[in-house]
């Protein structure tokens, strides 16, 4: 099984496509990781949370480090 590239940056359009496909096809995080070759299922979970709370535009915001 191929793993995604660690520390790879994903484009906002790709993140939206992953989340929308995952929700439409009722994929688990692990299934989405395998299908789209994302490096970590936690990333997909974060993308989904942002998508649901901030709309797809929220995925275009660059987030680094801690925000207190």
N, C-alpha and C. Protein backbone atom coordinates (compact mmCIF):
# COMPACT_ATOMS: atom_id res chain seq x y z
N UNK A 1 0.84 -1.18 0.00
CA UNK A 1 0.00 0.00 0.00
C UNK A 1 0.88 1.24 0.00
N UNK A 2 0.59 2.17 -0.88
CA UNK A 2 1.35 3.41 -0.95
C UNK A 2 0.87 4.38 0.11
N UNK A 3 1.79 5.09 0.69
CA UNK A 3 1.45 6.14 1.65
C UNK A 3 1.62 7.47 0.96
N UNK A 4 0.91 8.49 1.44
CA UNK A 4 1.07 9.83 0.92
C UNK A 4 2.43 10.38 1.30
N UNK A 5 2.77 11.50 0.75
CA UNK A 5 4.06 12.13 1.02
C UNK A 5 3.95 12.91 2.33
N UNK A 6 4.82 12.62 3.32
CA UNK A 6 4.76 13.36 4.57
C UNK A 6 5.04 14.85 4.35
N UNK A 7 4.35 15.69 5.11
CA UNK A 7 4.52 17.15 5.05
C UNK A 7 4.21 17.74 3.68
N UNK A 8 3.42 17.05 2.90
CA UNK A 8 3.03 17.55 1.59
C UNK A 8 1.93 18.58 1.78
N UNK A 9 1.98 19.62 1.00
CA UNK A 9 0.93 20.65 1.04
C UNK A 9 -0.11 20.32 -0.01
N UNK A 10 -1.36 20.38 0.38
CA UNK A 10 -2.46 20.07 -0.53
C UNK A 10 -3.19 21.36 -0.89
N UNK A 11 -3.57 21.48 -2.13
CA UNK A 11 -4.30 22.66 -2.61
C UNK A 11 -5.71 22.66 -2.02
N UNK A 12 -6.28 23.85 -1.78
CA UNK A 12 -7.65 23.93 -1.23
C UNK A 12 -8.67 23.18 -2.08
N UNK A 13 -8.53 23.24 -3.40
CA UNK A 13 -9.48 22.54 -4.28
C UNK A 13 -9.43 21.03 -4.07
N UNK A 14 -8.22 20.51 -3.83
CA UNK A 14 -8.06 19.09 -3.57
C UNK A 14 -8.73 18.71 -2.26
N UNK A 15 -8.55 19.53 -1.23
CA UNK A 15 -9.16 19.26 0.08
C UNK A 15 -10.67 19.22 -0.03
N UNK A 16 -11.25 20.18 -0.75
CA UNK A 16 -12.70 20.22 -0.94
C UNK A 16 -13.16 18.96 -1.67
N UNK A 17 -12.44 18.57 -2.72
CA UNK A 17 -12.80 17.37 -3.49
C UNK A 17 -12.77 16.13 -2.59
N UNK A 18 -11.73 16.01 -1.74
CA UNK A 18 -11.62 14.86 -0.86
C UNK A 18 -12.81 14.82 0.10
N UNK A 19 -13.10 15.94 0.76
CA UNK A 19 -14.18 15.96 1.74
C UNK A 19 -15.53 15.71 1.08
N UNK A 20 -15.79 16.36 -0.05
CA UNK A 20 -17.09 16.17 -0.71
C UNK A 20 -17.26 14.75 -1.23
N UNK A 21 -16.20 14.16 -1.77
CA UNK A 21 -16.27 12.77 -2.23
C UNK A 21 -16.46 11.83 -1.06
N UNK A 22 -15.74 12.09 0.03
CA UNK A 22 -15.85 11.25 1.21
C UNK A 22 -17.28 11.26 1.76
N UNK A 23 -17.88 12.43 1.82
CA UNK A 23 -19.25 12.54 2.35
C UNK A 23 -20.27 11.95 1.37
N UNK A 24 -20.08 12.20 0.08
CA UNK A 24 -21.02 11.70 -0.93
C UNK A 24 -21.01 10.17 -1.00
N UNK A 25 -19.80 9.59 -0.98
CA UNK A 25 -19.66 8.14 -1.11
C UNK A 25 -19.61 7.43 0.24
N UNK A 26 -19.78 8.20 1.33
CA UNK A 26 -19.78 7.66 2.69
C UNK A 26 -18.50 6.86 2.99
N UNK A 27 -17.36 7.47 2.64
CA UNK A 27 -16.07 6.84 2.89
C UNK A 27 -15.61 7.16 4.30
N UNK A 28 -14.89 6.23 4.91
CA UNK A 28 -14.25 6.52 6.19
C UNK A 28 -13.01 7.35 5.92
N UNK A 29 -12.41 7.88 7.00
CA UNK A 29 -11.17 8.65 6.82
C UNK A 29 -10.09 7.77 6.20
N UNK A 30 -9.98 6.55 6.68
CA UNK A 30 -8.94 5.64 6.16
C UNK A 30 -9.17 5.30 4.70
N UNK A 31 -10.42 5.11 4.31
CA UNK A 31 -10.72 4.83 2.90
C UNK A 31 -10.39 6.04 2.03
N UNK A 32 -10.67 7.24 2.52
CA UNK A 32 -10.35 8.45 1.77
C UNK A 32 -8.83 8.61 1.62
N UNK A 33 -8.10 8.30 2.69
CA UNK A 33 -6.63 8.38 2.64
C UNK A 33 -6.09 7.46 1.57
N UNK A 34 -6.60 6.23 1.51
CA UNK A 34 -6.15 5.28 0.49
C UNK A 34 -6.52 5.73 -0.91
N UNK A 35 -7.76 6.18 -1.08
CA UNK A 35 -8.24 6.55 -2.41
C UNK A 35 -7.51 7.77 -2.96
N UNK A 36 -7.23 8.76 -2.11
CA UNK A 36 -6.63 10.01 -2.58
C UNK A 36 -5.14 10.12 -2.25
N UNK A 37 -4.58 9.09 -1.64
CA UNK A 37 -3.16 9.04 -1.30
C UNK A 37 -2.72 10.24 -0.45
N UNK A 38 -3.52 10.52 0.58
CA UNK A 38 -3.20 11.56 1.55
C UNK A 38 -2.32 10.92 2.61
N UNK A 39 -1.43 11.71 3.21
CA UNK A 39 -0.44 11.14 4.12
C UNK A 39 -1.01 10.69 5.46
N UNK A 40 -2.14 11.27 5.92
CA UNK A 40 -2.61 10.95 7.26
C UNK A 40 -4.12 11.13 7.36
N UNK A 41 -4.79 10.19 8.04
CA UNK A 41 -6.24 10.30 8.18
C UNK A 41 -6.62 11.47 9.08
N UNK A 42 -5.72 11.90 9.95
CA UNK A 42 -6.02 13.05 10.81
C UNK A 42 -6.18 14.32 9.99
N UNK A 43 -5.42 14.43 8.92
CA UNK A 43 -5.55 15.59 8.03
C UNK A 43 -6.95 15.65 7.43
N UNK A 44 -7.44 14.52 6.99
CA UNK A 44 -8.77 14.46 6.38
C UNK A 44 -9.83 14.82 7.42
N UNK A 45 -9.66 14.37 8.65
CA UNK A 45 -10.60 14.70 9.72
C UNK A 45 -10.62 16.20 9.97
N UNK A 46 -9.46 16.83 9.98
CA UNK A 46 -9.37 18.28 10.18
C UNK A 46 -10.02 19.00 9.01
N UNK A 47 -9.76 18.55 7.78
CA UNK A 47 -10.37 19.17 6.60
C UNK A 47 -11.88 19.09 6.69
N UNK A 48 -12.42 17.94 7.11
CA UNK A 48 -13.87 17.80 7.21
C UNK A 48 -14.43 18.74 8.28
N UNK A 49 -13.75 18.84 9.41
CA UNK A 49 -14.22 19.74 10.48
C UNK A 49 -14.25 21.18 9.98
N UNK A 50 -13.19 21.61 9.30
CA UNK A 50 -13.14 22.97 8.76
C UNK A 50 -14.24 23.16 7.72
N UNK A 51 -14.41 22.19 6.85
CA UNK A 51 -15.43 22.25 5.80
C UNK A 51 -16.82 22.43 6.40
N UNK A 52 -17.11 21.70 7.47
CA UNK A 52 -18.43 21.75 8.09
C UNK A 52 -18.65 23.00 8.93
N UNK A 53 -17.60 23.52 9.55
CA UNK A 53 -17.77 24.67 10.43
C UNK A 53 -17.56 26.01 9.72
N UNK A 54 -16.70 26.04 8.70
CA UNK A 54 -16.36 27.30 8.05
C UNK A 54 -16.74 27.35 6.57
N UNK A 55 -17.35 26.31 6.05
CA UNK A 55 -17.65 26.19 4.63
C UNK A 55 -16.37 25.90 3.84
N UNK A 56 -16.49 25.54 2.56
CA UNK A 56 -15.31 25.17 1.77
C UNK A 56 -14.24 26.27 1.70
N UNK A 57 -14.65 27.53 1.80
CA UNK A 57 -13.67 28.63 1.74
C UNK A 57 -12.68 28.56 2.90
N UNK A 58 -13.09 27.96 4.01
CA UNK A 58 -12.20 27.84 5.17
C UNK A 58 -10.98 26.99 4.88
N UNK A 59 -11.07 26.12 3.89
CA UNK A 59 -9.93 25.26 3.55
C UNK A 59 -8.85 26.01 2.79
N UNK A 60 -9.17 27.22 2.32
CA UNK A 60 -8.18 28.01 1.60
C UNK A 60 -7.29 28.83 2.55
N UNK A 61 -7.69 28.90 3.83
CA UNK A 61 -6.91 29.67 4.81
C UNK A 61 -5.73 28.83 5.27
N UNK A 62 -4.54 29.42 5.21
CA UNK A 62 -3.35 28.70 5.65
C UNK A 62 -3.26 28.75 7.17
N UNK A 63 -3.11 27.58 7.78
CA UNK A 63 -3.02 27.48 9.23
C UNK A 63 -1.69 26.84 9.58
N UNK A 64 -0.92 27.52 10.43
CA UNK A 64 0.35 26.96 10.87
C UNK A 64 0.49 27.21 12.35
N UNK A 65 1.03 26.21 13.03
CA UNK A 65 1.30 26.36 14.45
C UNK A 65 0.03 26.46 15.26
N UNK A 66 0.20 26.85 16.50
CA UNK A 66 -0.93 26.94 17.41
C UNK A 66 -1.56 28.31 17.30
N UNK A 67 -2.86 28.33 17.46
CA UNK A 67 -3.59 29.61 17.49
C UNK A 67 -4.31 29.68 18.82
N UNK A 68 -3.84 30.54 19.68
CA UNK A 68 -4.44 30.69 21.02
C UNK A 68 -5.34 31.89 21.08
